């Protein structure tokens, strides 16, 4: 997130944003550097924390410490002033971040030397910067002990990590997409992380990139960095628009092709670091000239691919642009749902008889004749995934000829499934399920064999849905999913896979949503056959007589 340069007293901003009782209100605005003095933080809002107040009680000291820990400047230097000298260096603020509503915090004095704080986490950030939303209702207790130092109370024991007001999160932390590769090196795959804003961002990004992907994603992706590669020096300086990355000698074992891929990973991963528009590489202190590699980004045609009263094709004004070799077959099957590969040569079609595989110019092949199948998903390896709505665990994978095998899923508790959709890079899959009356989006990595055959659906990451019956889910981009639910009001919720989720407003009587290349390109179909497009914060009918929108996983290479 790009932000205006400002340096603001933390106590002032907390008072303005929350108005919480117990937060000190006497802090002033502290003068900061002129714009441009620190190019690494030119887009940051910097919170300046206030030091301990003489004579503060244990409760006021604790509230001041929690507030000061919202400022990561100089490795949380001000927050450490609230700690007894014996633990100042031992306290690890990077261990975790617990996000909450400060109005719901409850301080319980156990004794003069101990206070417990009960919080209801909204989300948690782990030591690697991985963000996880929490289901409402859970309470976490944190214990703090106190001692006198030169006549003033100081914290003698504090849990590692920080407690942060949710509304301040995107002021204090920046989001970064660590980039790894699909196994065939065809696409970069993001692993979303959050790190404190400031000049250390580049170092944190590269350090975590070299450690590798999140546990759930690891089986589905690969990296160009040789095993054991780490930073040869402790930081990644950014100067004159260039991040200077010095890698350990293990990187010397990489050939030129791998080096170009390594540089591409670094450039893409550092994209959101202020001032790091370019990357220079050193291996164990030696400058290395590595050409820049361009990795194709999976994008789809911005036009909706639709089945209408006039036939199947891309929406073009009041008509459609048919797809040679495919449109006739889709129409002949009386399709009710479809997903097409990136080259427009292979399409998976749901029809009254089941799910069919259709290769351009060939006769459709029935690959799954089970009842109550949801719309299929397809990948660029040519594999079609199918599952019945009432049997979420019965996922089958089919090749273009119809040969099938079942994959064990990671959601045995699910009672129904509304959507199953592969990511455009072919490494991840989402499932929109209902379990015990609760709706969830499940995200999992897909491991493949050397021949591209899917072999395993990996560990599941779960994202709770705000409410309503699950209807449809779709990839919006490489790290965002849109979810349609029905209830008293039909809603579309955006789930950032590694960040906060948001509602983008109500939608009337929608039965399907399909993503494009951005939030603005999300399309929907109503129960009356209207094609709905995003217009500002609402939806507008762009054409009528639409049966369904086909999902695209890319566009033909040019």
Protein backbone atom coordinates (compact mmCIF):
# COMPACT_ATOMS: atom_id res chain seq x y z
CA UNK A 1 0.00 0.00 0.00
CA UNK A 2 1.43 3.34 -1.05
CA UNK A 3 1.15 5.98 1.65
CA UNK A 4 1.96 9.65 2.11
CA UNK A 5 5.05 10.51 4.10
CA UNK A 6 4.21 11.46 7.67
CA UNK A 7 5.69 11.08 11.12
CA UNK A 8 2.98 11.08 13.79
CA UNK A 9 2.95 10.64 17.54
CA UNK A 10 1.65 7.16 18.28
CA UNK A 11 -0.42 8.33 21.21
CA UNK A 12 -2.08 10.95 19.03
CA UNK A 13 -2.98 8.55 16.23
CA UNK A 14 -4.26 5.98 18.69
CA UNK A 15 -6.50 8.58 20.27
CA UNK A 16 -7.79 9.75 16.91
CA UNK A 17 -8.45 6.25 15.58
CA UNK A 18 -9.85 4.57 18.66
CA UNK A 19 -10.72 7.05 21.39
CA UNK A 20 -9.97 4.23 23.84
CA UNK A 21 -9.99 4.90 27.55
CA UNK A 22 -6.60 4.43 29.18
CA UNK A 23 -4.57 5.40 26.11
CA UNK A 24 -2.38 8.42 26.98
CA UNK A 25 -3.67 11.57 25.30
CA UNK A 26 -0.87 13.96 26.16
CA UNK A 27 1.49 13.03 23.34
CA UNK A 28 2.41 15.64 20.78
CA UNK A 29 3.21 15.45 17.09
CA UNK A 30 6.94 14.82 16.76
CA UNK A 31 8.81 16.42 13.89
CA UNK A 32 10.19 13.97 11.34
CA UNK A 33 12.55 14.11 8.39
CA UNK A 34 11.70 16.18 5.37
CA UNK A 35 10.25 14.22 2.47
CA UNK A 36 13.06 12.61 0.56
CA UNK A 37 15.53 12.36 3.47
CA UNK A 38 15.01 8.58 3.68
CA UNK A 39 14.23 7.08 0.31
CA UNK A 40 13.59 3.67 1.80
CA UNK A 41 10.57 5.00 3.67
CA UNK A 42 9.31 7.61 1.27
CA UNK A 43 5.87 6.02 1.14
CA UNK A 44 5.58 5.15 4.83
CA UNK A 45 3.58 6.59 7.68
CA UNK A 46 5.91 6.42 10.69
CA UNK A 47 4.47 6.19 14.20
CA UNK A 48 6.63 7.73 16.92
CA UNK A 49 5.99 6.14 20.31
CA UNK A 50 6.09 7.97 23.65
CA UNK A 51 8.49 6.80 26.37
CA UNK A 52 7.37 5.75 29.88
CA UNK A 53 5.87 8.52 32.04
CA UNK A 54 7.46 8.95 35.49
CA UNK A 55 5.24 7.67 38.27
CA UNK A 56 3.09 5.51 35.98
CA UNK A 57 1.08 2.72 37.59
CA UNK A 58 1.44 -0.86 36.43
CA UNK A 59 -1.75 -0.56 34.36
CA UNK A 60 -0.66 2.70 32.69
CA UNK A 61 2.82 1.31 32.08
CA UNK A 62 1.34 -1.78 30.42
CA UNK A 63 -0.97 0.30 28.23
CA UNK A 64 1.95 2.50 27.28
CA UNK A 65 4.07 -0.54 26.40
CA UNK A 66 1.35 -2.02 24.19
CA UNK A 67 0.97 1.34 22.43
CA UNK A 68 4.73 1.79 22.02
CA UNK A 69 5.05 -1.67 20.51
CA UNK A 70 3.03 -0.34 17.56
CA UNK A 71 6.16 1.53 16.46
CA UNK A 72 8.90 -0.73 15.03
CA UNK A 73 11.39 2.15 14.68
CA UNK A 74 14.96 1.20 15.62
CA UNK A 75 13.94 -2.35 16.49
CA UNK A 76 11.12 -1.22 18.81
CA UNK A 77 13.53 0.91 20.82
CA UNK A 78 10.88 2.93 22.68
CA UNK A 79 8.84 -0.15 23.61
CA UNK A 80 11.97 -1.68 25.15
CA UNK A 81 12.22 1.30 27.53
CA UNK A 82 9.13 -0.06 29.31
CA UNK A 83 10.97 -3.32 30.04
CA UNK A 84 13.31 -4.08 32.90
CA UNK A 85 16.96 -4.01 31.72
CA UNK A 86 17.32 -7.77 32.23
CA UNK A 87 14.81 -8.59 29.46
CA UNK A 88 15.18 -5.68 27.04
CA UNK A 89 17.38 -7.60 24.62
CA UNK A 90 15.62 -10.94 25.15
CA UNK A 91 12.11 -9.73 24.24
CA UNK A 92 11.36 -10.70 20.63
CA UNK A 93 8.68 -8.45 19.06
CA UNK A 94 8.98 -10.28 15.72
CA UNK A 95 7.73 -13.56 17.18
CA UNK A 96 4.09 -12.77 16.40
CA UNK A 97 1.49 -10.04 16.04
CA UNK A 98 -1.96 -10.42 17.60
CA UNK A 99 -4.53 -8.09 16.01
CA UNK A 100 -7.54 -7.12 18.06
CA UNK A 101 -10.08 -4.43 18.96
CA UNK A 102 -8.60 -2.53 21.92
CA UNK A 103 -12.08 -1.74 23.18
CA UNK A 104 -12.49 -5.41 24.02
CA UNK A 105 -9.25 -5.83 25.96
CA UNK A 106 -9.71 -6.69 29.62
CA UNK A 107 -6.90 -6.06 32.11
CA UNK A 108 -7.03 -8.24 35.24
CA UNK A 109 -4.72 -7.30 38.09
CA UNK A 110 -3.59 -10.54 39.71
CA UNK A 111 -1.24 -8.80 42.17
CA UNK A 112 1.07 -5.78 42.39
CA UNK A 113 3.54 -7.73 40.29
CA UNK A 114 1.24 -9.37 37.71
CA UNK A 115 -1.46 -8.31 35.25
CA UNK A 116 -3.21 -10.53 32.73
CA UNK A 117 -4.65 -9.12 29.52
CA UNK A 118 -7.52 -10.97 27.86
CA UNK A 119 -7.85 -10.27 24.14
CA UNK A 120 -10.12 -11.52 21.37
CA UNK A 121 -7.83 -11.91 18.33
CA UNK A 122 -9.16 -10.88 14.94
CA UNK A 123 -6.05 -12.21 13.20
CA UNK A 124 -2.53 -13.38 13.98
CA UNK A 125 0.77 -12.82 12.20
CA UNK A 126 3.46 -15.43 12.81
CA UNK A 127 7.23 -14.96 12.93
CA UNK A 128 7.51 -15.49 9.17
CA UNK A 129 4.94 -12.79 8.41
CA UNK A 130 2.09 -15.20 7.55
CA UNK A 131 -1.34 -13.69 8.25
CA UNK A 132 -4.22 -15.83 9.56
CA UNK A 133 -7.73 -14.62 10.30
CA UNK A 134 -9.40 -15.96 13.43
CA UNK A 135 -13.00 -16.97 14.00
CA UNK A 136 -14.76 -14.59 16.38
CA UNK A 137 -15.28 -15.73 19.94
CA UNK A 138 -11.86 -17.01 20.97
CA UNK A 139 -10.11 -15.36 23.92
CA UNK A 140 -6.34 -15.36 24.53
CA UNK A 141 -4.77 -14.47 27.86
CA UNK A 142 -1.35 -12.74 28.04
CA UNK A 143 0.51 -12.43 31.33
CA UNK A 144 2.86 -9.57 32.32
CA UNK A 145 4.88 -9.24 35.52
CA UNK A 146 6.37 -6.07 37.01
CA UNK A 147 9.31 -4.94 39.11
CA UNK A 148 10.65 -1.65 40.43
CA UNK A 149 13.73 -0.19 38.68
CA UNK A 150 15.15 2.96 40.31
CA UNK A 151 11.78 3.54 41.92
CA UNK A 152 9.75 3.18 38.70
CA UNK A 153 7.62 0.24 37.61
CA UNK A 154 9.00 -1.71 34.67
CA UNK A 155 7.83 -4.91 32.98
CA UNK A 156 9.92 -7.85 34.19
CA UNK A 157 8.24 -10.48 32.03
CA UNK A 158 6.34 -10.04 28.76
CA UNK A 159 5.25 -12.51 26.09
CA UNK A 160 7.20 -12.36 22.86
CA UNK A 161 5.40 -10.67 19.99
CA UNK A 162 3.21 -7.58 20.00
CA UNK A 163 -0.46 -6.78 20.53
CA UNK A 164 -1.67 -4.41 17.81
CA UNK A 165 -4.91 -2.59 17.18
CA UNK A 166 -6.41 -3.97 13.97
CA UNK A 167 -7.05 -0.51 12.50
CA UNK A 168 -3.32 0.27 12.71
CA UNK A 169 -2.16 -2.93 11.03
CA UNK A 170 -1.81 -1.63 7.48
CA UNK A 171 -0.15 1.53 8.79
CA UNK A 172 2.55 -0.34 10.69
CA UNK A 173 2.96 -3.32 8.32
CA UNK A 174 3.41 -3.63 4.55
CA UNK A 175 2.33 -6.63 2.49
CA UNK A 176 4.87 -8.41 0.31
CA UNK A 177 4.44 -11.29 -2.12
CA UNK A 178 7.36 -13.71 -1.83
CA UNK A 179 7.61 -15.31 -5.25
CA UNK A 180 8.30 -18.97 -5.96
CA UNK A 181 7.98 -20.96 -9.19
CA UNK A 182 5.49 -23.44 -10.50
CA UNK A 183 7.40 -26.74 -10.92
CA UNK A 184 7.73 -26.25 -14.69
CA UNK A 185 9.14 -22.72 -14.20
CA UNK A 186 6.27 -21.28 -16.28
CA UNK A 187 4.89 -18.87 -13.66
CA UNK A 188 5.69 -17.17 -10.39
CA UNK A 189 3.49 -18.11 -7.43
CA UNK A 190 2.99 -15.61 -4.57
CA UNK A 191 3.33 -16.45 -0.89
CA UNK A 192 1.86 -13.44 0.91
CA UNK A 193 3.68 -12.05 3.95
CA UNK A 194 3.57 -8.91 6.12
CA UNK A 195 6.64 -7.15 7.56
CA UNK A 196 7.04 -3.91 9.55
CA UNK A 197 7.35 -0.82 7.37
CA UNK A 198 10.76 0.77 7.13
CA UNK A 199 14.28 0.40 5.88
CA UNK A 200 14.61 -3.22 7.04
CA UNK A 201 11.83 -4.43 4.72
CA UNK A 202 14.19 -5.53 1.95
CA UNK A 203 16.23 -7.60 4.40
CA UNK A 204 13.14 -9.31 5.82
CA UNK A 205 11.77 -10.06 2.35
CA UNK A 206 14.98 -11.64 1.05
CA UNK A 207 15.66 -13.52 4.29
CA UNK A 208 12.22 -15.15 4.24
CA UNK A 209 12.41 -15.78 0.48
CA UNK A 210 15.62 -17.75 1.00
CA UNK A 211 14.03 -19.75 3.84
CA UNK A 212 11.41 -21.00 1.37
CA UNK A 213 7.63 -21.05 1.01
CA UNK A 214 5.01 -21.56 3.68
CA UNK A 215 4.58 -25.16 4.79
CA UNK A 216 1.23 -25.64 3.01
CA UNK A 217 2.60 -24.27 -0.28
CA UNK A 218 6.02 -25.97 -0.28
CA UNK A 219 4.99 -29.26 -1.98
CA UNK A 220 3.40 -27.36 -4.89
CA UNK A 221 6.21 -24.95 -5.83
CA UNK A 222 9.96 -24.74 -6.29
CA UNK A 223 12.70 -22.14 -6.02
CA UNK A 224 15.73 -21.28 -8.14
CA UNK A 225 18.00 -20.74 -5.14
CA UNK A 226 20.37 -23.67 -4.42
CA UNK A 227 19.90 -25.44 -1.09
CA UNK A 228 21.54 -23.61 1.79
CA UNK A 229 21.67 -20.22 0.07
CA UNK A 230 21.45 -17.36 2.57
CA UNK A 231 22.46 -13.72 2.82
CA UNK A 232 26.24 -13.29 2.89
CA UNK A 233 25.84 -10.12 4.96
CA UNK A 234 23.22 -9.20 7.50
CA UNK A 235 21.25 -6.69 5.47
CA UNK A 236 19.96 -5.81 2.00
CA UNK A 237 20.73 -2.12 1.48
CA UNK A 238 18.60 -0.12 -0.93
CA UNK A 239 20.27 2.85 -2.60
CA UNK A 240 19.56 4.86 -5.75
CA UNK A 241 16.54 2.69 -6.57
CA UNK A 242 18.48 -0.57 -6.34
CA UNK A 243 18.41 -3.39 -3.79
CA UNK A 244 21.89 -4.85 -3.31
CA UNK A 245 21.57 -8.56 -2.57
CA UNK A 246 24.71 -10.42 -1.52
CA UNK A 247 24.13 -14.19 -1.51
CA UNK A 248 26.28 -16.83 0.16
CA UNK A 249 28.69 -18.99 -1.83
CA UNK A 250 26.06 -21.72 -2.30
CA UNK A 251 24.59 -19.50 -5.03
CA UNK A 252 27.78 -19.93 -7.06
CA UNK A 253 26.68 -23.49 -7.91
CA UNK A 254 23.71 -22.19 -9.94
CA UNK A 255 24.08 -22.10 -13.73
CA UNK A 256 23.17 -19.03 -15.78
CA UNK A 257 19.58 -20.14 -16.31
CA UNK A 258 19.07 -20.61 -12.56
CA UNK A 259 20.73 -17.26 -11.84
CA UNK A 260 18.28 -15.47 -14.12
CA UNK A 261 15.42 -17.20 -12.33
CA UNK A 262 16.87 -16.23 -8.95
CA UNK A 263 17.05 -12.60 -10.01
CA UNK A 264 13.46 -12.73 -11.31
CA UNK A 265 12.31 -14.09 -7.93
CA UNK A 266 14.11 -11.29 -6.12
CA UNK A 267 12.80 -8.51 -8.37
CA UNK A 268 9.20 -9.73 -8.05
CA UNK A 269 9.45 -10.32 -4.29
CA UNK A 270 10.92 -6.85 -3.65
CA UNK A 271 8.31 -5.10 -5.80
CA UNK A 272 6.54 -3.52 -2.81
CA UNK A 273 9.73 -2.37 -1.08
CA UNK A 274 10.01 1.40 -1.47
CA UNK A 275 12.97 2.40 -3.62
CA UNK A 276 13.83 -1.14 -4.74
CA UNK A 277 12.94 -0.91 -8.41
CA UNK A 278 16.06 -2.80 -9.46
CA UNK A 279 18.20 -5.61 -8.04
CA UNK A 280 21.96 -6.08 -8.22
CA UNK A 281 23.43 -9.44 -7.27
CA UNK A 282 26.62 -10.40 -5.51
CA UNK A 283 27.74 -13.91 -4.70
CA UNK A 284 29.86 -14.02 -1.55
CA UNK A 285 30.87 -10.39 -2.05
CA UNK A 286 31.60 -10.65 -5.78
CA UNK A 287 29.38 -8.58 -8.14
CA UNK A 288 27.68 -10.82 -10.71
CA UNK A 289 26.11 -9.57 -13.95
CA UNK A 290 22.86 -11.49 -14.38
CA UNK A 291 20.46 -10.65 -17.24
CA UNK A 292 16.87 -9.88 -16.31
CA UNK A 293 14.34 -12.64 -17.05
CA UNK A 294 10.72 -11.89 -17.86
CA UNK A 295 8.25 -14.45 -16.49
CA UNK A 296 4.85 -14.53 -18.16
CA UNK A 297 2.00 -13.54 -15.86
CA UNK A 298 -1.19 -15.58 -16.32
CA UNK A 299 -3.92 -13.18 -17.45
CA UNK A 300 -7.35 -13.75 -18.90
CA UNK A 301 -9.37 -12.05 -21.61
CA UNK A 302 -11.17 -9.12 -19.99
CA UNK A 303 -14.32 -10.02 -21.93
CA UNK A 304 -16.75 -12.44 -20.34
CA UNK A 305 -16.84 -15.89 -21.98
CA UNK A 306 -20.55 -16.67 -21.90
CA UNK A 307 -23.31 -19.04 -22.95
CA UNK A 308 -26.22 -16.98 -24.28
CA UNK A 309 -29.43 -17.46 -26.20
CA UNK A 310 -27.31 -16.77 -29.30
CA UNK A 311 -24.58 -19.30 -28.53
CA UNK A 312 -21.22 -19.64 -26.75
CA UNK A 313 -18.30 -17.21 -27.06
CA UNK A 314 -16.74 -13.99 -25.84
CA UNK A 315 -19.09 -11.11 -25.16
CA UNK A 316 -18.75 -8.59 -28.00
CA UNK A 317 -21.23 -5.76 -27.82
CA UNK A 318 -24.69 -7.23 -28.30
CA UNK A 319 -23.26 -10.37 -29.92
CA UNK A 320 -20.61 -12.99 -29.22
CA UNK A 321 -17.24 -13.87 -30.70
CA UNK A 322 -17.27 -17.61 -31.23
CA UNK A 323 -14.26 -19.88 -30.56
CA UNK A 324 -13.36 -22.01 -33.61
CA UNK A 325 -13.53 -25.73 -32.88
CA UNK A 326 -15.14 -25.30 -29.45
CA UNK A 327 -18.28 -23.16 -29.57
CA UNK A 328 -20.27 -25.65 -31.68
CA UNK A 329 -19.47 -28.50 -29.30
CA UNK A 330 -20.34 -26.50 -26.17
CA UNK A 331 -23.66 -25.46 -27.68
CA UNK A 332 -24.41 -29.00 -28.85
CA UNK A 333 -23.92 -30.36 -25.34
CA UNK A 334 -26.40 -27.77 -23.93
CA UNK A 335 -23.72 -26.78 -21.44
CA UNK A 336 -24.55 -25.42 -17.99
CA UNK A 337 -20.99 -24.63 -16.92
CA UNK A 338 -17.45 -24.65 -18.34
CA UNK A 339 -13.79 -23.78 -17.82
CA UNK A 340 -11.33 -23.24 -20.67
CA UNK A 341 -7.53 -23.56 -20.87
CA UNK A 342 -5.26 -20.60 -21.60
CA UNK A 343 -4.81 -21.41 -25.31
CA UNK A 344 -8.54 -21.80 -26.03
CA UNK A 345 -7.91 -25.34 -27.29
CA UNK A 346 -9.38 -27.45 -24.48
CA UNK A 347 -12.53 -26.90 -22.45
CA UNK A 348 -14.19 -28.81 -19.60
CA UNK A 349 -17.97 -28.68 -19.95
CA UNK A 350 -20.77 -29.53 -17.53
CA UNK A 351 -23.91 -30.64 -19.34
CA UNK A 352 -27.05 -32.67 -18.52
CA UNK A 353 -25.13 -35.92 -19.09
CA UNK A 354 -22.16 -35.06 -16.86
CA UNK A 355 -18.77 -33.42 -17.46
CA UNK A 356 -17.17 -33.60 -20.90
CA UNK A 357 -13.65 -32.98 -22.17
CA UNK A 358 -13.68 -31.08 -25.47
CA UNK A 359 -10.53 -30.59 -27.55
CA UNK A 360 -10.81 -28.13 -30.43
CA UNK A 361 -12.21 -29.90 -33.47
CA UNK A 362 -12.67 -33.26 -31.69
CA UNK A 363 -15.76 -35.12 -30.55
CA UNK A 364 -16.62 -34.41 -26.87
CA UNK A 365 -15.57 -37.17 -24.43
CA UNK A 366 -17.67 -37.89 -21.34
CA UNK A 367 -15.22 -38.03 -18.44
CA UNK A 368 -17.62 -38.09 -15.46
CA UNK A 369 -21.27 -39.13 -15.55
CA UNK A 370 -22.02 -38.86 -11.84
CA UNK A 371 -25.10 -36.98 -10.69
CA UNK A 372 -25.15 -33.47 -9.22
CA UNK A 373 -21.67 -32.45 -10.42
CA UNK A 374 -20.58 -28.86 -9.83
CA UNK A 375 -18.88 -26.92 -12.63
CA UNK A 376 -15.50 -28.54 -13.44
CA UNK A 377 -12.06 -26.96 -13.27
CA UNK A 378 -9.19 -27.53 -15.70
CA UNK A 379 -5.44 -26.86 -15.76
CA UNK A 380 -3.02 -26.21 -18.60
CA UNK A 381 -1.66 -29.74 -18.27
CA UNK A 382 -5.03 -30.90 -19.61
CA UNK A 383 -6.40 -32.39 -16.39
CA UNK A 384 -10.08 -31.90 -15.52
CA UNK A 385 -11.26 -31.96 -11.91
CA UNK A 386 -14.82 -32.97 -10.98
CA UNK A 387 -16.80 -33.47 -7.78
CA UNK A 388 -20.50 -33.89 -6.86
CA UNK A 389 -22.02 -31.08 -4.79
CA UNK A 390 -23.19 -33.49 -2.08
CA UNK A 391 -19.93 -35.50 -1.93
CA UNK A 392 -17.14 -32.96 -1.42
CA UNK A 393 -14.52 -35.63 -0.76
CA UNK A 394 -15.12 -37.54 -4.00
CA UNK A 395 -12.79 -35.44 -6.19
CA UNK A 396 -11.74 -37.08 -9.45
CA UNK A 397 -9.07 -36.00 -11.89
CA UNK A 398 -9.35 -36.90 -15.57
CA UNK A 399 -7.02 -36.60 -18.54
CA UNK A 400 -8.29 -35.49 -21.94
CA UNK A 401 -9.02 -39.09 -22.99
CA UNK A 402 -11.28 -39.69 -20.00
CA UNK A 403 -8.92 -41.79 -17.85
CA UNK A 404 -9.69 -40.95 -14.22
CA UNK A 405 -8.34 -41.35 -10.71
CA UNK A 406 -9.44 -40.07 -7.31
CA UNK A 407 -7.40 -37.73 -5.12
CA UNK A 408 -7.80 -37.81 -1.36
CA UNK A 409 -9.00 -34.41 -0.18
CA UNK A 410 -8.15 -32.45 2.95
CA UNK A 411 -11.77 -31.68 3.83
CA UNK A 412 -13.40 -34.91 5.07
CA UNK A 413 -15.76 -32.95 7.36
CA UNK A 414 -17.40 -31.00 4.50
CA UNK A 415 -21.09 -31.71 3.86
CA UNK A 416 -21.44 -29.82 0.55
CA UNK A 417 -19.19 -28.13 -1.97
CA UNK A 418 -20.25 -25.22 -4.21
CA UNK A 419 -17.03 -24.46 -6.12
CA UNK A 420 -13.71 -26.12 -6.91
CA UNK A 421 -11.27 -24.02 -8.92
CA UNK A 422 -7.60 -24.36 -9.84
CA UNK A 423 -5.34 -21.31 -9.74
CA UNK A 424 -4.18 -20.05 -13.11
CA UNK A 425 -0.60 -21.14 -12.39
CA UNK A 426 -1.79 -24.70 -11.66
CA UNK A 427 -0.23 -24.92 -8.19
CA UNK A 428 -3.17 -24.23 -5.87
CA UNK A 429 -6.83 -25.11 -5.60
CA UNK A 430 -9.72 -23.51 -3.72
CA UNK A 431 -12.86 -25.26 -2.50
CA UNK A 432 -15.97 -23.45 -1.26
CA UNK A 433 -17.57 -25.80 1.25
CA UNK A 434 -20.17 -25.94 3.98
CA UNK A 435 -19.48 -27.86 7.16
CA UNK A 436 -21.66 -27.95 10.27
CA UNK A 437 -23.63 -24.99 8.98
CA UNK A 438 -20.51 -22.86 8.50
CA UNK A 439 -19.17 -21.73 5.12
CA UNK A 440 -15.44 -21.80 4.43
CA UNK A 441 -13.00 -21.31 1.59
CA UNK A 442 -10.29 -23.95 1.67
CA UNK A 443 -6.93 -23.37 0.01
CA UNK A 444 -4.45 -26.16 -0.71
CA UNK A 445 -1.33 -26.72 -2.76
CA UNK A 446 -1.41 -29.33 -5.55
CA UNK A 447 1.63 -31.55 -5.87
CA UNK A 448 2.37 -32.98 -9.30
CA UNK A 449 4.59 -35.70 -10.67
CA UNK A 450 7.40 -35.03 -13.13
CA UNK A 451 4.92 -35.54 -15.99
CA UNK A 452 2.53 -32.90 -14.61
CA UNK A 453 0.01 -35.41 -13.25
CA UNK A 454 -1.63 -34.20 -9.99
CA UNK A 455 -0.68 -36.59 -7.20
CA UNK A 456 -1.67 -34.92 -3.91
CA UNK A 457 -3.91 -32.22 -2.51
CA UNK A 458 -1.83 -30.84 0.32
CA UNK A 459 -2.46 -29.30 3.71
CA UNK A 460 -5.52 -27.06 3.84
CA UNK A 461 -5.57 -23.40 4.86
CA UNK A 462 -9.06 -22.33 5.96
CA UNK A 463 -10.75 -18.96 5.51
CA UNK A 464 -14.06 -18.40 7.33
CA UNK A 465 -16.91 -16.74 5.43
CA UNK A 466 -18.88 -13.96 7.09
CA UNK A 467 -22.24 -15.73 6.71
CA UNK A 468 -24.85 -17.06 4.34
CA UNK A 469 -25.08 -20.15 2.14
CA UNK A 470 -22.08 -20.69 -0.17
CA UNK A 471 -22.97 -20.20 -3.84
CA UNK A 472 -19.85 -19.57 -5.94
CA UNK A 473 -16.12 -18.82 -5.57
CA UNK A 474 -13.53 -17.71 -8.10
CA UNK A 475 -9.92 -16.54 -8.40
CA UNK A 476 -9.74 -12.77 -8.86
CA UNK A 477 -5.96 -12.66 -9.25
CA UNK A 478 -3.05 -14.77 -8.06
CA UNK A 479 -3.69 -14.11 -4.36
CA UNK A 480 -7.34 -13.03 -4.05
CA UNK A 481 -10.57 -15.04 -4.14
CA UNK A 482 -14.12 -13.71 -4.45
CA UNK A 483 -16.93 -15.58 -2.71
CA UNK A 484 -20.67 -15.27 -3.34
CA UNK A 485 -23.04 -16.20 -0.52
CA UNK A 486 -26.83 -16.02 -0.32
CA UNK A 487 -28.88 -15.09 2.71
CA UNK A 488 -31.06 -12.21 3.81
CA UNK A 489 -28.78 -10.22 1.50
CA UNK A 490 -26.56 -11.80 -1.15
CA UNK A 491 -22.96 -10.73 -0.59
CA UNK A 492 -19.63 -10.85 -2.42
CA UNK A 493 -16.65 -11.18 -0.09
CA UNK A 494 -13.04 -10.71 -1.13
CA UNK A 495 -10.66 -13.09 0.62
CA UNK A 496 -7.03 -12.13 0.40
CA UNK A 497 -5.04 -15.35 0.73
CA UNK A 498 -2.68 -14.00 3.33
CA UNK A 499 -4.40 -10.77 4.32
CA UNK A 500 -7.62 -9.21 5.63
CA UNK A 501 -10.90 -10.09 3.92
CA UNK A 502 -13.53 -7.50 2.99
CA UNK A 503 -17.08 -7.31 1.68
CA UNK A 504 -17.53 -5.43 -1.59
CA UNK A 505 -21.24 -4.87 -1.22
CA UNK A 506 -24.54 -6.64 -1.81
CA UNK A 507 -25.64 -8.17 -5.10
CA UNK A 508 -29.20 -9.16 -6.02
CA UNK A 509 -30.11 -12.77 -6.89
CA UNK A 510 -26.69 -13.75 -8.24
CA UNK A 511 -26.05 -17.45 -8.94
CA UNK A 512 -22.42 -17.31 -10.15
CA UNK A 513 -19.35 -15.06 -10.04
CA UNK A 514 -16.23 -15.30 -12.22
CA UNK A 515 -12.98 -13.37 -11.84
CA UNK A 516 -11.04 -11.37 -14.39
CA UNK A 517 -7.68 -9.64 -13.91
CA UNK A 518 -8.73 -7.34 -11.05
CA UNK A 519 -11.55 -6.63 -8.63
CA UNK A 520 -13.11 -4.32 -11.20
CA UNK A 521 -13.35 -7.18 -13.71
CA UNK A 522 -15.39 -9.56 -11.54
CA UNK A 523 -18.55 -10.59 -13.40
CA UNK A 524 -21.72 -12.26 -12.13
CA UNK A 525 -24.87 -13.88 -13.52
CA UNK A 526 -28.26 -13.32 -11.94
CA UNK A 527 -31.07 -15.87 -11.63
CA UNK A 528 -32.85 -13.94 -14.40
CA UNK A 529 -29.93 -14.34 -16.83
CA UNK A 530 -28.47 -10.86 -16.49
CA UNK A 531 -24.70 -10.42 -16.87
CA UNK A 532 -23.63 -8.12 -14.03
CA UNK A 533 -20.41 -6.08 -14.08
CA UNK A 534 -18.76 -4.05 -11.35
CA UNK A 535 -19.50 -0.32 -11.47
CA UNK A 536 -17.92 1.58 -8.59
CA UNK A 537 -19.26 0.02 -5.41
CA UNK A 538 -22.24 -1.62 -7.12
CA UNK A 539 -23.28 -3.82 -10.01
CA UNK A 540 -24.74 -2.98 -13.41
CA UNK A 541 -26.50 -5.12 -16.00
CA UNK A 542 -24.28 -5.27 -19.11
CA UNK A 543 -26.39 -7.71 -21.14
CA UNK A 544 -29.30 -10.13 -20.84
CA UNK A 545 -30.01 -13.72 -21.81
CA UNK A 546 -26.88 -15.26 -20.24
CA UNK A 547 -26.97 -18.85 -18.97
CA UNK A 548 -23.50 -18.96 -17.39
CA UNK A 549 -20.01 -17.47 -17.53
CA UNK A 550 -17.16 -19.84 -18.38
CA UNK A 551 -14.04 -19.54 -16.24
CA UNK A 552 -10.77 -18.73 -18.02
CA UNK A 553 -7.35 -19.73 -16.68
CA UNK A 554 -5.33 -17.58 -19.06
CA UNK A 555 -5.15 -16.18 -22.55
CA UNK A 556 -3.35 -17.43 -25.67
CA UNK A 557 0.36 -16.63 -25.88
CA UNK A 558 1.17 -13.99 -28.46
